[in-house]
Amino acid sequence: MWLGRWARARHWLSQTPSGAGRVLDIGCAFGFGTNQVSGARGVTWTVGVEADPEYVLQATRSYKRLPFVRGSAEELPFISGSMDSVTLLDVLEHLANPERALAEARRVLQTGGRLVLSVPHQGVLARLDSLNRYQALRRRQPWLEPLDPSEASAGGEHRHFTRRELETLLGRSFVVERSAITGIGLTEVLHLVLLVLCRGLLRWERSYLALRYLYFTAYLLEDALHVPRAGYHLTMQARAVEG
């Protein structure tokens, strides 16, 4: 059982016939996922790209053996066809133009390379999304601290996708090879409580950074549930083809 988007991406990339090769982790935040996917079988080089300069600095300090660069998912600072694998883990839902990000992912991938992406799924409990609920609370209670850059979304909505919507976004440039829908979303209630407690009542960001590991642990446990129609998380692997 491979729990969580990072472990699932690493496992899936390890199963590609020639190994993961050169891996680009787009929207890597503080580098945790980049470090995870760097352990995939056959990796020759791994790099993380992140738009927020503070996160790039934090990732560089935390994972000194890995390179991290500042850049946008919608305008990647890499030459065409330079990557064998690309990961977009919980990134598309934050972007104003996810189509552009997928076009950029295809541009930097060699034909035959693999893309692994994850997004929130439009399941039965999508309305519990903690980031959307917190933003709604902030509109009524503006004294609440804002979300950090990795949590905020262009347009203010943390978007959820159906499997068909994600396949449509991938278009003719990719062939979907596998997908998994996991979790049910109940851990979003825990995350919302942590956000309100730490950014509202305590107003201490360090407390949130420490306590959110409770949410990560609960997320991993819930991820063991595979619920194809009602699930909260959608992970998909696709192969780059000539479009």
Protein backbone atom coordinates (compact mmCIF):
# COMPACT_ATOMS: atom_id res chain seq x y z
CA MET A 1 0.00 0.00 0.00
CA TRP A 2 1.48 3.33 -1.09
CA LEU A 3 0.02 6.14 0.98
CA GLY A 4 0.03 9.80 0.07
CA ARG A 5 0.62 11.57 -3.22
CA TRP A 6 4.41 11.70 -2.82
CA ALA A 7 4.88 8.00 -2.09
CA ARG A 8 2.43 7.07 -4.85
CA ALA A 9 4.29 9.26 -7.37
CA ARG A 10 7.62 7.71 -6.36
CA HIS A 11 6.21 4.19 -6.65
CA TRP A 12 4.58 4.79 -10.03
CA LEU A 13 7.68 6.43 -11.49
CA SER A 14 9.76 3.51 -10.23
CA GLN A 15 7.62 1.19 -12.33
CA THR A 16 8.30 2.94 -15.65
CA PRO A 17 10.31 0.63 -17.96
CA SER A 18 13.46 2.76 -18.08
CA GLY A 19 13.17 4.28 -14.59
CA ALA A 20 12.35 7.84 -13.63
CA GLY A 21 15.46 9.42 -15.23
CA ARG A 22 15.57 13.22 -14.97
CA VAL A 23 12.72 14.34 -12.70
CA LEU A 24 11.19 17.82 -12.41
CA ASP A 25 8.95 18.48 -9.39
CA ILE A 26 6.78 21.51 -10.25
CA GLY A 27 5.39 23.60 -7.39
CA CYS A 28 7.68 21.91 -4.89
CA ALA A 29 7.01 24.34 -1.96
CA PHE A 30 9.53 23.53 0.79
CA GLY A 31 10.96 20.51 -1.02
CA PHE A 32 9.48 17.58 0.90
CA GLY A 33 7.88 16.02 -2.19
CA THR A 34 10.98 16.61 -4.31
CA ASN A 35 13.03 14.68 -1.79
CA GLN A 36 10.46 11.87 -1.82
CA VAL A 37 10.30 11.43 -5.61
CA SER A 38 14.10 11.61 -5.84
CA GLY A 39 14.05 8.10 -4.37
CA ALA A 40 12.26 6.60 -7.39
CA ARG A 41 14.01 3.79 -9.23
CA GLY A 42 16.37 4.90 -11.97
CA VAL A 43 16.48 8.59 -11.03
CA THR A 44 19.52 10.30 -12.55
CA TRP A 45 18.74 13.86 -11.46
CA THR A 46 15.95 15.61 -9.58
CA VAL A 47 15.15 19.33 -9.44
CA GLY A 48 12.34 21.26 -7.76
CA VAL A 49 10.84 24.49 -9.09
CA GLU A 50 8.81 26.86 -6.92
CA ALA A 51 7.44 30.38 -7.43
CA ASP A 52 7.80 31.56 -3.82
CA PRO A 53 11.38 32.67 -3.00
CA GLU A 54 11.02 31.90 0.72
CA TYR A 55 10.09 28.32 -0.03
CA VAL A 56 13.01 27.97 -2.46
CA LEU A 57 15.36 29.13 0.29
CA GLN A 58 13.78 26.78 2.84
CA ALA A 59 13.98 23.81 0.44
CA THR A 60 17.62 24.55 -0.36
CA ARG A 61 18.49 24.61 3.34
CA SER A 62 16.50 21.46 4.16
CA TYR A 63 17.65 19.27 1.25
CA LYS A 64 21.17 20.36 0.42
CA ARG A 65 21.84 17.53 -2.05
CA LEU A 66 18.98 18.63 -4.33
CA PRO A 67 18.81 21.71 -6.59
CA PHE A 68 15.84 24.08 -6.30
CA VAL A 69 15.09 27.01 -8.61
CA ARG A 70 12.55 29.78 -8.61
CA GLY A 71 10.04 29.66 -11.44
CA SER A 72 6.41 29.53 -12.44
CA ALA A 73 4.52 26.36 -13.35
CA GLU A 74 3.11 28.33 -16.28
CA GLU A 75 6.55 29.40 -17.56
CA LEU A 76 9.17 26.81 -16.66
CA PRO A 77 12.86 27.79 -16.77
CA PHE A 78 13.91 24.59 -18.59
CA ILE A 79 14.52 23.73 -22.23
CA SER A 80 12.08 21.63 -24.22
CA GLY A 81 12.42 17.86 -23.94
CA SER A 82 14.90 18.06 -21.08
CA MET A 83 12.98 15.87 -18.59
CA ASP A 84 12.03 12.19 -18.43
CA SER A 85 9.50 12.61 -15.61
CA VAL A 86 7.45 15.49 -14.23
CA THR A 87 5.38 15.68 -11.06
CA LEU A 88 2.59 18.19 -10.40
CA LEU A 89 1.41 17.24 -6.94
CA ASP A 90 -1.49 19.34 -5.63
CA VAL A 91 -0.57 22.30 -7.84
CA LEU A 92 -3.14 22.63 -10.65
CA GLU A 93 -5.99 23.46 -8.27
CA HIS A 94 -4.17 26.64 -7.19
CA LEU A 95 -3.57 28.01 -10.69
CA ALA A 96 -5.57 30.47 -12.76
CA ASN A 97 -4.49 28.68 -15.95
CA PRO A 98 -3.95 24.95 -15.34
CA GLU A 99 -3.99 24.35 -19.11
CA ARG A 100 -0.86 26.47 -19.46
CA ALA A 101 0.89 24.55 -16.69
CA LEU A 102 0.10 21.22 -18.38
CA ALA A 103 1.32 22.60 -21.73
CA GLU A 104 4.58 23.59 -20.04
CA ALA A 105 4.89 20.16 -18.42
CA ARG A 106 4.49 18.57 -21.86
CA ARG A 107 7.02 20.95 -23.40
CA VAL A 108 9.81 20.01 -20.99
CA LEU A 109 9.00 16.28 -21.17
CA GLN A 110 10.54 14.00 -23.74
CA THR A 111 8.02 12.10 -25.83
CA GLY A 112 7.32 8.94 -23.87
CA GLY A 113 8.10 10.63 -20.56
CA ARG A 114 5.75 10.36 -17.59
CA LEU A 115 3.68 12.96 -15.81
CA VAL A 116 2.28 12.22 -12.35
CA LEU A 117 -0.20 14.75 -11.01
CA SER A 118 -2.58 14.97 -8.09
CA VAL A 119 -5.55 17.25 -7.46
CA PRO A 120 -8.50 17.40 -5.07
CA HIS A 121 -11.29 15.20 -6.44
CA GLN A 122 -14.86 16.39 -6.86
CA GLY A 123 -16.13 13.78 -4.40
CA VAL A 124 -19.10 13.82 -2.07
CA LEU A 125 -17.26 15.76 0.65
CA ALA A 126 -15.56 18.32 -1.60
CA ARG A 127 -17.56 21.04 0.16
CA LEU A 128 -15.50 20.35 3.32
CA ASP A 129 -12.36 21.68 1.64
CA SER A 130 -10.51 23.36 4.53
CA LEU A 131 -8.87 26.06 2.39
CA ASN A 132 -12.17 27.11 0.81
CA ARG A 133 -13.96 27.03 4.16
CA TYR A 134 -11.20 29.08 5.80
CA GLN A 135 -11.32 31.67 3.03
CA ALA A 136 -15.07 31.91 3.47
CA LEU A 137 -14.56 32.47 7.20
CA ARG A 138 -11.97 35.20 6.52
CA ARG A 139 -14.48 37.09 4.39
CA ARG A 140 -16.74 37.29 7.45
CA GLN A 141 -13.92 37.49 10.01
CA PRO A 142 -11.11 39.52 8.38
CA TRP A 143 -9.00 39.39 11.56
CA LEU A 144 -8.04 35.81 10.65
CA GLU A 145 -4.52 35.55 9.24
CA PRO A 146 -4.30 34.87 5.46
CA LEU A 147 -3.26 31.55 3.93
CA ASP A 148 0.39 31.18 3.04
CA PRO A 149 1.49 31.18 -0.66
CA SER A 150 1.45 27.39 -0.98
CA GLU A 151 -2.19 27.26 0.23
CA ALA A 152 -3.67 30.27 -1.57
CA SER A 153 -5.29 29.86 -5.00
CA ALA A 154 -5.59 32.24 -7.93
CA GLY A 155 -9.15 33.54 -7.95
CA GLY A 156 -9.59 32.50 -4.31
CA GLU A 157 -11.01 29.01 -4.92
CA HIS A 158 -9.20 25.76 -4.20
CA ARG A 159 -10.52 23.86 -7.21
CA HIS A 160 -11.69 20.24 -7.31
CA PHE A 161 -11.67 18.12 -10.48
CA THR A 162 -13.50 15.07 -11.73
CA ARG A 163 -11.50 12.37 -13.49
CA ARG A 164 -13.07 13.35 -16.82
CA GLU A 165 -12.19 17.04 -16.32
CA LEU A 166 -8.57 16.16 -15.65
CA GLU A 167 -8.40 13.87 -18.68
CA THR A 168 -9.86 16.68 -20.80
CA LEU A 169 -7.20 19.09 -19.53
CA LEU A 170 -4.47 16.63 -20.48
CA GLY A 171 -5.86 16.58 -24.01
CA ARG A 172 -4.15 14.84 -26.91
CA SER A 173 -0.64 15.49 -25.61
CA PHE A 174 -0.92 12.73 -23.00
CA VAL A 175 -2.27 9.20 -22.71
CA VAL A 176 -3.58 8.36 -19.25
CA GLU A 177 -2.01 5.15 -17.93
CA ARG A 178 -3.43 4.87 -14.41
CA SER A 179 -5.28 6.75 -11.72
CA ALA A 180 -6.29 6.39 -8.09
CA ILE A 181 -9.01 8.10 -6.04
CA THR A 182 -8.38 7.92 -2.31
CA GLY A 183 -9.50 9.31 1.02
CA ILE A 184 -12.91 10.78 1.81
CA GLY A 185 -12.09 14.28 3.07
CA LEU A 186 -12.91 14.04 6.77
CA THR A 187 -9.37 15.14 7.63
CA GLU A 188 -10.26 18.53 6.10
CA VAL A 189 -12.30 19.23 9.24
CA LEU A 190 -9.18 18.72 11.35
CA HIS A 191 -7.18 21.01 9.09
CA LEU A 192 -9.81 23.74 9.29
CA VAL A 193 -9.74 23.57 13.10
CA LEU A 194 -5.95 23.93 13.06
CA LEU A 195 -6.11 26.90 10.70
CA VAL A 196 -8.66 28.75 12.81
CA LEU A 197 -6.93 27.90 16.10
CA CYS A 198 -3.39 28.81 15.02
CA ARG A 199 -4.07 31.69 12.65
CA GLY A 200 -7.05 33.10 14.46
CA LEU A 201 -7.03 32.46 18.20
CA LEU A 202 -3.32 31.86 18.87
CA ARG A 203 -2.06 33.96 15.94
CA TRP A 204 1.18 32.00 16.03
CA GLU A 205 2.34 30.52 12.72
CA ARG A 206 4.90 28.28 14.37
CA SER A 207 2.13 26.46 16.21
CA TYR A 208 0.43 25.74 12.89
CA LEU A 209 3.68 24.51 11.30
CA ALA A 210 4.09 22.07 14.19
CA LEU A 211 0.48 20.94 14.60
CA ARG A 212 -0.21 20.44 10.90
CA TYR A 213 1.77 17.19 11.12
CA LEU A 214 -1.30 15.86 12.91
CA TYR A 215 -3.24 16.66 9.74
CA PHE A 216 -0.55 15.04 7.54
CA THR A 217 -0.70 11.88 9.66
CA ALA A 218 -4.49 11.75 9.50
CA TYR A 219 -4.33 12.36 5.74
CA LEU A 220 -1.97 9.40 5.27
CA LEU A 221 -4.21 7.11 7.29
CA GLU A 222 -7.29 8.19 5.35
CA ASP A 223 -5.43 7.78 2.06
CA ALA A 224 -5.51 4.02 2.62
CA LEU A 225 -9.19 4.16 1.66
CA HIS A 226 -9.79 3.72 -2.06
CA VAL A 227 -13.23 5.05 -2.94
CA PRO A 228 -13.37 5.51 -6.74
CA ARG A 229 -16.46 7.71 -6.90
CA ALA A 230 -16.67 9.46 -3.55
CA GLY A 231 -12.96 9.98 -2.81
CA TYR A 232 -11.30 13.29 -2.03
CA HIS A 233 -7.87 12.93 -3.71
CA LEU A 234 -7.23 12.10 -7.36
CA THR A 235 -3.79 11.00 -8.59
CA MET A 236 -3.11 10.27 -12.25
CA GLN A 237 -0.17 9.13 -14.37
CA ALA A 238 0.02 9.96 -18.08
CA ARG A 239 2.55 9.34 -20.85
CA ALA A 240 3.62 12.20 -23.11
CA VAL A 241 2.79 11.60 -26.78
CA GLU A 242 2.95 13.64 -29.97
CA GLY A 243 -0.13 15.84 -29.86
